[in-house]
Amino acid sequence: MGAFTVYLILIAAIVLDFFWLDVEQKRWGWMKNWSRLHKGLFFSGFIAVTACIYVGLSLNYM
């Protein structure tokens, strides 16, 4: 349950920042000319890497 909550909070924070908080495109403006496919691949890769890091660090405490 704890890992799912961490992933949910992480994904919600990124989506909230990308679609709602960054209206002036100061943080995500460098992706302005990217296609939807490339943005999707970037965020999918970001989530996958984050999950790998989280699982890797959690293995020490299991």
PDB file of N, CA and C in Angstrom:
ATOM      1  N   MET A   1       0.820  -1.189   0.000  1.00  0.00           N
ATOM      2  CA  MET A   1       0.000   0.000   0.000  1.00  0.00           C
ATOM      3  C   MET A   1       0.864   1.254   0.000  1.00  0.00           C
ATOM      4  N   GLY A   2       1.988   1.237   0.679  1.00  0.00           N
ATOM      5  CA  GLY A   2       2.847   2.410   0.764  1.00  0.00           C
ATOM      6  C   GLY A   2       3.463   2.785  -0.574  1.00  0.00           C
ATOM      7  N   ALA A   3       3.919   1.794  -1.337  1.00  0.00           N
ATOM      8  CA  ALA A   3       4.531   2.079  -2.630  1.00  0.00           C
ATOM      9  C   ALA A   3       3.507   2.651  -3.599  1.00  0.00           C
ATOM     10  N   PHE A   4       2.301   2.115  -3.582  1.00  0.00           N
ATOM     11  CA  PHE A   4       1.249   2.623  -4.459  1.00  0.00           C
ATOM     12  C   PHE A   4       0.935   4.077  -4.136  1.00  0.00           C
ATOM     13  N   THR A   5       0.905   4.416  -2.873  1.00  0.00           N
ATOM     14  CA  THR A   5       0.623   5.791  -2.453  1.00  0.00           C
ATOM     15  C   THR A   5       1.727   6.731  -2.919  1.00  0.00           C
ATOM     16  N   VAL A   6       2.962   6.303  -2.830  1.00  0.00           N
ATOM     17  CA  VAL A   6       4.086   7.125  -3.285  1.00  0.00           C
ATOM     18  C   VAL A   6       3.982   7.374  -4.779  1.00  0.00           C
ATOM     19  N   TYR A   7       3.712   6.335  -5.561  1.00  0.00           N
ATOM     20  CA  TYR A   7       3.567   6.493  -7.006  1.00  0.00           C
ATOM     21  C   TYR A   7       2.403   7.411  -7.342  1.00  0.00           C
ATOM     22  N   LEU A   8       1.298   7.248  -6.661  1.00  0.00           N
ATOM     23  CA  LEU A   8       0.118   8.066  -6.914  1.00  0.00           C
ATOM     24  C   LEU A   8       0.398   9.540  -6.614  1.00  0.00           C
ATOM     25  N   ILE A   9       1.061   9.818  -5.513  1.00  0.00           N
ATOM     26  CA  ILE A   9       1.398  11.201  -5.164  1.00  0.00           C
ATOM     27  C   ILE A   9       2.376  11.787  -6.180  1.00  0.00           C
ATOM     28  N   LEU A  10       3.363  11.015  -6.596  1.00  0.00           N
ATOM     29  CA  LEU A  10       4.343  11.489  -7.563  1.00  0.00           C
ATOM     30  C   LEU A  10       3.689  11.813  -8.898  1.00  0.00           C
ATOM     31  N   ILE A  11       2.881  10.911  -9.404  1.00  0.00           N
ATOM     32  CA  ILE A  11       2.212  11.126 -10.684  1.00  0.00           C
ATOM     33  C   ILE A  11       1.249  12.306 -10.593  1.00  0.00           C
ATOM     34  N   ALA A  12       0.501  12.400  -9.505  1.00  0.00           N
ATOM     35  CA  ALA A  12      -0.438  13.510  -9.336  1.00  0.00           C
ATOM     36  C   ALA A  12       0.296  14.849  -9.287  1.00  0.00           C
ATOM     37  N   ALA A  13       1.440  14.908  -8.617  1.00  0.00           N
ATOM     38  CA  ALA A  13       2.199  16.158  -8.527  1.00  0.00           C
ATOM     39  C   ALA A  13       2.724  16.593  -9.890  1.00  0.00           C
ATOM     40  N   ILE A  14       3.217  15.651 -10.681  1.00  0.00           N
ATOM     41  CA  ILE A  14       3.741  15.986 -12.003  1.00  0.00           C
ATOM     42  C   ILE A  14       2.621  16.436 -12.928  1.00  0.00           C
ATOM     43  N   VAL A  15       1.516  15.713 -12.931  1.00  0.00           N
ATOM     44  CA  VAL A  15       0.384  16.082 -13.786  1.00  0.00           C
ATOM     45  C   VAL A  15      -0.176  17.439 -13.372  1.00  0.00           C
ATOM     46  N   LEU A  16      -0.312  17.659 -12.082  1.00  0.00           N
ATOM     47  CA  LEU A  16      -0.815  18.936 -11.577  1.00  0.00           C
ATOM     48  C   LEU A  16       0.104  20.080 -11.997  1.00  0.00           C
ATOM     49  N   ASP A  17       1.395  19.900 -11.875  1.00  0.00           N
ATOM     50  CA  ASP A  17       2.341  20.942 -12.257  1.00  0.00           C
ATOM     51  C   ASP A  17       2.324  21.182 -13.761  1.00  0.00           C
ATOM     52  N   PHE A  18       2.284  20.120 -14.546  1.00  0.00           N
ATOM     53  CA  PHE A  18       2.358  20.253 -15.999  1.00  0.00           C
ATOM     54  C   PHE A  18       1.114  20.914 -16.572  1.00  0.00           C
ATOM     55  N   PHE A  19      -0.070  20.510 -16.116  1.00  0.00           N
ATOM     56  CA  PHE A  19      -1.311  20.989 -16.719  1.00  0.00           C
ATOM     57  C   PHE A  19      -1.929  22.203 -16.033  1.00  0.00           C
ATOM     58  N   TRP A  20      -1.638  22.433 -14.757  1.00  0.00           N
ATOM     59  CA  TRP A  20      -2.371  23.465 -14.050  1.00  0.00           C
ATOM     60  C   TRP A  20      -1.480  24.578 -13.509  1.00  0.00           C
ATOM     61  N   LEU A  21      -0.404  24.247 -12.838  1.00  0.00           N
ATOM     62  CA  LEU A  21       0.405  25.259 -12.169  1.00  0.00           C
ATOM     63  C   LEU A  21       1.358  26.005 -13.104  1.00  0.00           C
ATOM     64  N   ASP A  22       1.849  25.348 -14.127  1.00  0.00           N
ATOM     65  CA  ASP A  22       2.846  25.956 -15.010  1.00  0.00           C
ATOM     66  C   ASP A  22       2.167  26.617 -16.208  1.00  0.00           C
ATOM     67  N   VAL A  23       1.372  27.653 -15.946  1.00  0.00           N
ATOM     68  CA  VAL A  23       0.621  28.291 -17.027  1.00  0.00           C
ATOM     69  C   VAL A  23       1.517  29.165 -17.904  1.00  0.00           C
ATOM     70  N   GLU A  24       2.626  29.645 -17.389  1.00  0.00           N
ATOM     71  CA  GLU A  24       3.530  30.488 -18.173  1.00  0.00           C
ATOM     72  C   GLU A  24       4.632  29.680 -18.847  1.00  0.00           C
ATOM     73  N   GLN A  25       4.616  28.384 -18.710  1.00  0.00           N
ATOM     74  CA  GLN A  25       5.570  27.452 -19.324  1.00  0.00           C
ATOM     75  C   GLN A  25       7.018  27.788 -18.978  1.00  0.00           C
ATOM     76  N   LYS A  26       7.270  28.109 -17.721  1.00  0.00           N
ATOM     77  CA  LYS A  26       8.640  28.383 -17.289  1.00  0.00           C
ATOM     78  C   LYS A  26       9.392  27.102 -16.958  1.00  0.00           C
ATOM     79  N   ARG A  27       8.708  26.102 -16.405  1.00  0.00           N
ATOM     80  CA  ARG A  27       9.382  24.854 -16.046  1.00  0.00           C
ATOM     81  C   ARG A  27       9.325  23.827 -17.175  1.00  0.00           C
ATOM     82  N   TRP A  28       8.213  23.747 -17.891  1.00  0.00           N
ATOM     83  CA  TRP A  28       8.040  22.733 -18.925  1.00  0.00           C
ATOM     84  C   TRP A  28       8.090  23.333 -20.330  1.00  0.00           C
ATOM     85  N   GLY A  29       8.500  24.585 -20.471  1.00  0.00           N
ATOM     86  CA  GLY A  29       8.533  25.249 -21.769  1.00  0.00           C
ATOM     87  C   GLY A  29       9.515  24.626 -22.750  1.00  0.00           C
ATOM     88  N   TRP A  30      10.545  23.982 -22.256  1.00  0.00           N
ATOM     89  CA  TRP A  30      11.529  23.359 -23.138  1.00  0.00           C
ATOM     90  C   TRP A  30      10.947  22.175 -23.896  1.00  0.00           C
ATOM     91  N   MET A  31       9.754  21.713 -23.500  1.00  0.00           N
ATOM     92  CA  MET A  31       9.080  20.617 -24.208  1.00  0.00           C
ATOM     93  C   MET A  31       8.001  21.140 -25.148  1.00  0.00           C
ATOM     94  N   LYS A  32       7.971  22.441 -25.387  1.00  0.00           N
ATOM     95  CA  LYS A  32       6.888  23.071 -26.132  1.00  0.00           C
ATOM     96  C   LYS A  32       6.725  22.496 -27.541  1.00  0.00           C
ATOM     97  N   ASN A  33       7.801  22.223 -28.227  1.00  0.00           N
ATOM     98  CA  ASN A  33       7.734  21.759 -29.612  1.00  0.00           C
ATOM     99  C   ASN A  33       7.687  20.237 -29.740  1.00  0.00           C
ATOM    100  N   TRP A  34       7.600  19.538 -28.630  1.00  0.00           N
ATOM    101  CA  TRP A  34       7.557  18.079 -28.665  1.00  0.00           C
ATOM    102  C   TRP A  34       6.163  17.605 -29.051  1.00  0.00           C
ATOM    103  N   SER A  35       6.091  16.456 -29.712  1.00  0.00           N
ATOM    104  CA  SER A  35       4.794  15.858 -30.032  1.00  0.00           C
ATOM    105  C   SER A  35       4.222  15.180 -28.783  1.00  0.00           C
ATOM    106  N   ARG A  36       2.949  14.823 -28.870  1.00  0.00           N
ATOM    107  CA  ARG A  36       2.305  14.144 -27.736  1.00  0.00           C
ATOM    108  C   ARG A  36       2.977  12.807 -27.452  1.00  0.00           C
ATOM    109  N   LEU A  37       3.423  12.138 -28.512  1.00  0.00           N
ATOM    110  CA  LEU A  37       4.106  10.851 -28.345  1.00  0.00           C
ATOM    111  C   LEU A  37       5.398  11.029 -27.552  1.00  0.00           C
ATOM    112  N   HIS A  38       6.185  12.022 -27.912  1.00  0.00           N
ATOM    113  CA  HIS A  38       7.453  12.241 -27.214  1.00  0.00           C
ATOM    114  C   HIS A  38       7.237  12.669 -25.766  1.00  0.00           C
ATOM    115  N   LYS A  39       6.214  13.485 -25.522  1.00  0.00           N
ATOM    116  CA  LYS A  39       5.907  13.865 -24.142  1.00  0.00           C
ATOM    117  C   LYS A  39       5.466  12.648 -23.335  1.00  0.00           C
ATOM    118  N   GLY A  40       4.642  11.801 -23.947  1.00  0.00           N
ATOM    119  CA  GLY A  40       4.202  10.582 -23.269  1.00  0.00           C
ATOM    120  C   GLY A  40       5.360   9.651 -22.967  1.00  0.00           C
ATOM    121  N   LEU A  41       6.276   9.506 -23.924  1.00  0.00           N
ATOM    122  CA  LEU A  41       7.455   8.667 -23.702  1.00  0.00           C
ATOM    123  C   LEU A  41       8.343   9.237 -22.599  1.00  0.00           C
ATOM    124  N   PHE A  42       8.499  10.550 -22.569  1.00  0.00           N
ATOM    125  CA  PHE A  42       9.308  11.182 -21.531  1.00  0.00           C
ATOM    126  C   PHE A  42       8.720  10.922 -20.154  1.00  0.00           C
ATOM    127  N   PHE A  43       7.417  11.171 -19.990  1.00  0.00           N
ATOM    128  CA  PHE A  43       6.800  10.989 -18.681  1.00  0.00           C
ATOM    129  C   PHE A  43       6.743   9.517 -18.285  1.00  0.00           C
ATOM    130  N   SER A  44       6.533   8.630 -19.254  1.00  0.00           N
ATOM    131  CA  SER A  44       6.554   7.196 -18.952  1.00  0.00           C
ATOM    132  C   SER A  44       7.942   6.763 -18.496  1.00  0.00           C
ATOM    133  N   GLY A  45       8.960   7.239 -19.180  1.00  0.00           N
ATOM    134  CA  GLY A  45      10.329   6.926 -18.782  1.00  0.00           C
ATOM    135  C   GLY A  45      10.681   7.502 -17.426  1.00  0.00           C
ATOM    136  N   PHE A  46      10.206   8.713 -17.160  1.00  0.00           N
ATOM    137  CA  PHE A  46      10.455   9.348 -15.870  1.00  0.00           C
ATOM    138  C   PHE A  46       9.828   8.543 -14.745  1.00  0.00           C
ATOM    139  N   ILE A  47       8.604   8.089 -14.964  1.00  0.00           N
ATOM    140  CA  ILE A  47       7.915   7.289 -13.950  1.00  0.00           C
ATOM    141  C   ILE A  47       8.610   5.943 -13.773  1.00  0.00           C
ATOM    142  N   ALA A  48       9.059   5.331 -14.877  1.00  0.00           N
ATOM    143  CA  ALA A  48       9.741   4.039 -14.789  1.00  0.00           C
ATOM    144  C   ALA A  48      11.065   4.162 -14.028  1.00  0.00           C
ATOM    145  N   VAL A  49      11.831   5.201 -14.319  1.00  0.00           N
ATOM    146  CA  VAL A  49      13.106   5.403 -13.621  1.00  0.00           C
ATOM    147  C   VAL A  49      12.865   5.687 -12.144  1.00  0.00           C
ATOM    148  N   THR A  50      11.854   6.497 -11.851  1.00  0.00           N
ATOM    149  CA  THR A  50      11.522   6.784 -10.458  1.00  0.00           C
ATOM    150  C   THR A  50      11.124   5.512  -9.720  1.00  0.00           C
ATOM    151  N   ALA A  51      10.340   4.662 -10.381  1.00  0.00           N
ATOM    152  CA  ALA A  51       9.927   3.402  -9.760  1.00  0.00           C
ATOM    153  C   ALA A  51      11.134   2.504  -9.507  1.00  0.00           C
ATOM    154  N   CYS A  52      12.056   2.438 -10.466  1.00  0.00           N
ATOM    155  CA  CYS A  52      13.257   1.613 -10.282  1.00  0.00           C
ATOM    156  C   CYS A  52      14.108   2.115  -9.120  1.00  0.00           C
ATOM    157  N   ILE A  53      14.262   3.416  -9.016  1.00  0.00           N
ATOM    158  CA  ILE A  53      15.037   3.981  -7.907  1.00  0.00           C
ATOM    159  C   ILE A  53      14.353   3.683  -6.580  1.00  0.00           C
ATOM    160  N   TYR A  54      13.039   3.862  -6.530  1.00  0.00           N
ATOM    161  CA  TYR A  54      12.303   3.622  -5.291  1.00  0.00           C
ATOM    162  C   TYR A  54      12.406   2.158  -4.871  1.00  0.00           C
ATOM    163  N   VAL A  55      12.223   1.249  -5.825  1.00  0.00           N
ATOM    164  CA  VAL A  55      12.307  -0.181  -5.509  1.00  0.00           C
ATOM    165  C   VAL A  55      13.735  -0.545  -5.114  1.00  0.00           C
ATOM    166  N   GLY A  56      14.714   0.000  -5.829  1.00  0.00           N
ATOM    167  CA  GLY A  56      16.109  -0.288  -5.503  1.00  0.00           C
ATOM    168  C   GLY A  56      16.498   0.169  -4.111  1.00  0.00           C
ATOM    169  N   LEU A  57      16.040   1.336  -3.723  1.00  0.00           N
ATOM    170  CA  LEU A  57      16.343   1.821  -2.381  1.00  0.00           C
ATOM    171  C   LEU A  57      15.544   1.076  -1.318  1.00  0.00           C
ATOM    172  N   SER A  58      14.362   0.601  -1.669  1.00  0.00           N
ATOM    173  CA  SER A  58      13.530  -0.121  -0.704  1.00  0.00           C
ATOM    174  C   SER A  58      14.058  -1.520  -0.421  1.00  0.00           C
ATOM    175  N   LEU A  59      14.821  -2.100  -1.337  1.00  0.00           N
ATOM    176  CA  LEU A  59      15.320  -3.460  -1.144  1.00  0.00           C
ATOM    177  C   LEU A  59      16.259  -3.555   0.055  1.00  0.00           C
ATOM    178  N   ASN A  60      16.923  -2.476   0.378  1.00  0.00           N
ATOM    179  CA  ASN A  60      17.823  -2.489   1.538  1.00  0.00           C
ATOM    180  C   ASN A  60      17.070  -2.673   2.841  1.00  0.00           C
ATOM    181  N   TYR A  61      15.823  -2.263   2.885  1.00  0.00           N
ATOM    182  CA  TYR A  61      15.052  -2.278   4.122  1.00  0.00           C
ATOM    183  C   TYR A  61      14.041  -3.413   4.197  1.00  0.00           C
ATOM    184  N   MET A  62      14.038  -4.301   3.233  1.00  0.00           N
ATOM    185  CA  MET A  62      13.090  -5.427   3.251  1.00  0.00           C
ATOM    186  C   MET A  62      13.666  -6.600   3.981  1.00  0.00           C
TER     187      MET A  62
END
